[in-house]
Amino acid sequence: MPKVFAREGEAFQITLRKFKKSCERAGLLSDIKKNNYFEKPTVARRRKAKESRRKALKLQRKMRRYNKSF
């Protein structure tokens, strides 16, 4: 659990924003959303394969864009 210490005279909104940012960096919200419901192992494998395919295609497009000869 991320901890945020408020400085003396610091507004609550600023402290809350720091806390939200630290939670986002820790990946808490994505973990909570991911574990919100049970996912069958086969569905999880398909989702992971789809994500990896998407990342590979994105990397290929990026490499193609930067390896063009001028």
N, C-alpha and C. Protein backbone atom coordinates (compact mmCIF):
# COMPACT_ATOMS: atom_id res chain seq x y z
N MET A 1 0.84 -1.18 0.00
CA MET A 1 0.00 0.00 0.00
C MET A 1 0.88 1.23 0.00
N PRO A 2 0.72 2.09 -0.98
CA PRO A 2 1.53 3.31 -1.03
C PRO A 2 1.21 4.25 0.14
N LYS A 3 2.25 4.89 0.60
CA LYS A 3 2.08 5.86 1.69
C LYS A 3 2.53 7.22 1.19
N VAL A 4 1.79 8.23 1.61
CA VAL A 4 2.11 9.61 1.27
C VAL A 4 2.06 10.43 2.54
N PHE A 5 3.09 11.20 2.78
CA PHE A 5 3.13 12.04 3.96
C PHE A 5 2.89 13.49 3.53
N ALA A 6 1.95 14.12 4.21
CA ALA A 6 1.61 15.51 3.90
C ALA A 6 2.59 16.43 4.59
N ARG A 7 3.05 17.39 3.84
CA ARG A 7 3.93 18.40 4.43
C ARG A 7 3.09 19.42 5.19
N GLU A 8 3.73 20.11 6.04
CA GLU A 8 3.03 21.11 6.84
C GLU A 8 2.56 22.24 5.92
N GLY A 9 1.30 22.56 6.00
CA GLY A 9 0.73 23.63 5.19
C GLY A 9 0.36 23.21 3.78
N GLU A 10 0.50 21.92 3.46
CA GLU A 10 0.19 21.43 2.12
C GLU A 10 -1.31 21.17 2.02
N ALA A 11 -1.90 21.55 0.90
CA ALA A 11 -3.35 21.38 0.70
C ALA A 11 -3.70 19.90 0.56
N PHE A 12 -4.91 19.57 0.96
CA PHE A 12 -5.38 18.18 0.89
C PHE A 12 -5.42 17.68 -0.54
N GLN A 13 -5.82 18.53 -1.47
CA GLN A 13 -5.92 18.13 -2.88
C GLN A 13 -4.57 17.69 -3.43
N ILE A 14 -3.52 18.38 -3.03
CA ILE A 14 -2.17 18.04 -3.49
C ILE A 14 -1.75 16.69 -2.93
N THR A 15 -2.04 16.46 -1.65
CA THR A 15 -1.70 15.19 -1.02
C THR A 15 -2.49 14.05 -1.66
N LEU A 16 -3.76 14.28 -1.95
CA LEU A 16 -4.58 13.27 -2.59
C LEU A 16 -4.06 12.96 -3.98
N ARG A 17 -3.65 13.97 -4.72
CA ARG A 17 -3.10 13.77 -6.06
C ARG A 17 -1.82 12.93 -5.99
N LYS A 18 -0.97 13.20 -4.99
CA LYS A 18 0.26 12.42 -4.81
C LYS A 18 -0.07 10.96 -4.51
N PHE A 19 -1.08 10.74 -3.66
CA PHE A 19 -1.49 9.38 -3.32
C PHE A 19 -2.00 8.64 -4.54
N LYS A 20 -2.84 9.28 -5.34
CA LYS A 20 -3.38 8.65 -6.54
C LYS A 20 -2.26 8.29 -7.50
N LYS A 21 -1.28 9.20 -7.64
CA LYS A 21 -0.15 8.95 -8.52
C LYS A 21 0.68 7.77 -8.03
N SER A 22 0.89 7.68 -6.72
CA SER A 22 1.68 6.57 -6.18
C SER A 22 0.92 5.24 -6.35
N CYS A 23 -0.40 5.27 -6.22
CA CYS A 23 -1.19 4.05 -6.45
C CYS A 23 -1.10 3.63 -7.92
N GLU A 24 -1.12 4.61 -8.80
CA GLU A 24 -1.02 4.31 -10.23
C GLU A 24 0.34 3.70 -10.55
N ARG A 25 1.40 4.24 -9.97
CA ARG A 25 2.74 3.71 -10.20
C ARG A 25 2.89 2.30 -9.65
N ALA A 26 2.23 2.02 -8.54
CA ALA A 26 2.30 0.69 -7.93
C ALA A 26 1.46 -0.33 -8.69
N GLY A 27 0.57 0.14 -9.56
CA GLY A 27 -0.26 -0.76 -10.36
C GLY A 27 -1.42 -1.35 -9.60
N LEU A 28 -1.89 -0.66 -8.59
CA LEU A 28 -2.98 -1.19 -7.77
C LEU A 28 -4.31 -1.22 -8.52
N LEU A 29 -4.62 -0.15 -9.24
CA LEU A 29 -5.92 -0.08 -9.91
C LEU A 29 -6.04 -1.13 -11.00
N SER A 30 -4.98 -1.32 -11.78
CA SER A 30 -5.04 -2.33 -12.84
C SER A 30 -5.13 -3.72 -12.25
N ASP A 31 -4.47 -3.95 -11.11
CA ASP A 31 -4.54 -5.25 -10.46
C ASP A 31 -5.94 -5.51 -9.91
N ILE A 32 -6.56 -4.50 -9.35
CA ILE A 32 -7.93 -4.64 -8.83
C ILE A 32 -8.90 -4.91 -9.96
N LYS A 33 -8.77 -4.20 -11.07
CA LYS A 33 -9.66 -4.40 -12.21
C LYS A 33 -9.46 -5.79 -12.81
N LYS A 34 -8.20 -6.24 -12.86
CA LYS A 34 -7.90 -7.55 -13.43
C LYS A 34 -8.49 -8.67 -12.58
N ASN A 35 -8.46 -8.52 -11.26
CA ASN A 35 -8.97 -9.55 -10.36
C ASN A 35 -10.40 -9.31 -9.92
N ASN A 36 -11.12 -8.49 -10.64
CA ASN A 36 -12.49 -8.17 -10.29
C ASN A 36 -13.42 -9.38 -10.46
N TYR A 37 -13.12 -10.23 -11.42
CA TYR A 37 -13.91 -11.42 -11.65
C TYR A 37 -12.98 -12.55 -12.05
N PHE A 38 -13.44 -13.77 -11.90
CA PHE A 38 -12.62 -14.93 -12.24
C PHE A 38 -12.50 -15.07 -13.74
N GLU A 39 -11.29 -15.35 -14.18
CA GLU A 39 -11.03 -15.54 -15.60
C GLU A 39 -10.53 -16.98 -15.79
N LYS A 40 -11.18 -17.71 -16.67
CA LYS A 40 -10.79 -19.09 -16.91
C LYS A 40 -9.36 -19.13 -17.44
N PRO A 41 -8.62 -20.17 -17.13
CA PRO A 41 -7.23 -20.27 -17.60
C PRO A 41 -7.10 -20.20 -19.12
N THR A 42 -8.05 -20.80 -19.84
CA THR A 42 -7.96 -20.74 -21.31
C THR A 42 -8.18 -19.32 -21.81
N VAL A 43 -9.10 -18.61 -21.18
CA VAL A 43 -9.36 -17.22 -21.57
C VAL A 43 -8.15 -16.35 -21.25
N ALA A 44 -7.50 -16.62 -20.13
CA ALA A 44 -6.30 -15.86 -19.76
C ALA A 44 -5.18 -16.11 -20.76
N ARG A 45 -5.00 -17.36 -21.17
CA ARG A 45 -3.96 -17.67 -22.16
C ARG A 45 -4.24 -16.97 -23.48
N ARG A 46 -5.50 -16.99 -23.91
CA ARG A 46 -5.85 -16.33 -25.17
C ARG A 46 -5.61 -14.83 -25.08
N ARG A 47 -5.97 -14.23 -23.94
CA ARG A 47 -5.78 -12.80 -23.76
C ARG A 47 -4.29 -12.45 -23.79
N LYS A 48 -3.47 -13.25 -23.10
CA LYS A 48 -2.04 -12.99 -23.08
C LYS A 48 -1.43 -13.16 -24.47
N ALA A 49 -1.88 -14.17 -25.23
CA ALA A 49 -1.37 -14.38 -26.58
C ALA A 49 -1.75 -13.20 -27.47
N LYS A 50 -2.97 -12.73 -27.32
CA LYS A 50 -3.44 -11.59 -28.11
C LYS A 50 -2.63 -10.34 -27.79
N GLU A 51 -2.36 -10.12 -26.49
CA GLU A 51 -1.56 -8.97 -26.09
C GLU A 51 -0.15 -9.05 -26.65
N SER A 52 0.46 -10.23 -26.58
CA SER A 52 1.82 -10.38 -27.08
C SER A 52 1.86 -10.18 -28.59
N ARG A 53 0.85 -10.69 -29.32
CA ARG A 53 0.79 -10.47 -30.77
C ARG A 53 0.69 -8.98 -31.08
N ARG A 54 -0.17 -8.28 -30.32
CA ARG A 54 -0.35 -6.86 -30.55
C ARG A 54 0.95 -6.10 -30.29
N LYS A 55 1.67 -6.46 -29.22
CA LYS A 55 2.93 -5.80 -28.92
C LYS A 55 3.98 -6.07 -30.00
N ALA A 56 4.00 -7.31 -30.51
CA ALA A 56 4.96 -7.66 -31.55
C ALA A 56 4.68 -6.88 -32.83
N LEU A 57 3.41 -6.77 -33.20
CA LEU A 57 3.05 -6.00 -34.39
C LEU A 57 3.40 -4.53 -34.23
N LYS A 58 3.18 -4.01 -33.03
CA LYS A 58 3.51 -2.61 -32.77
C LYS A 58 5.01 -2.39 -32.89
N LEU A 59 5.80 -3.33 -32.37
CA LEU A 59 7.24 -3.22 -32.46
C LEU A 59 7.70 -3.31 -33.91
N GLN A 60 7.08 -4.20 -34.70
CA GLN A 60 7.42 -4.31 -36.11
C GLN A 60 7.14 -3.01 -36.85
N ARG A 61 5.99 -2.41 -36.59
CA ARG A 61 5.65 -1.14 -37.25
C ARG A 61 6.65 -0.07 -36.87
N LYS A 62 7.03 -0.05 -35.60
CA LYS A 62 7.98 0.95 -35.13
C LYS A 62 9.34 0.75 -35.80
N MET A 63 9.79 -0.50 -35.88
CA MET A 63 11.08 -0.78 -36.50
C MET A 63 11.05 -0.45 -37.99
N ARG A 64 9.94 -0.76 -38.66
CA ARG A 64 9.81 -0.45 -40.09
C ARG A 64 9.87 1.05 -40.32
N ARG A 65 9.25 1.80 -39.43
CA ARG A 65 9.22 3.25 -39.58
C ARG A 65 10.61 3.85 -39.44
N TYR A 66 11.41 3.34 -38.51
CA TYR A 66 12.72 3.91 -38.25
C TYR A 66 13.81 3.33 -39.13
N ASN A 67 13.57 2.21 -39.83
CA ASN A 67 14.58 1.61 -40.66
C ASN A 67 14.42 1.97 -42.13
N LYS A 68 13.56 2.92 -42.46
CA LYS A 68 13.39 3.35 -43.83
C LYS A 68 14.63 4.06 -44.30
N SER A 69 15.01 3.80 -45.52
CA SER A 69 16.15 4.52 -46.08
C SER A 69 15.64 5.77 -46.78
N PHE A 70 16.37 6.84 -46.64
CA PHE A 70 15.91 8.13 -47.16
C PHE A 70 16.53 8.43 -48.48
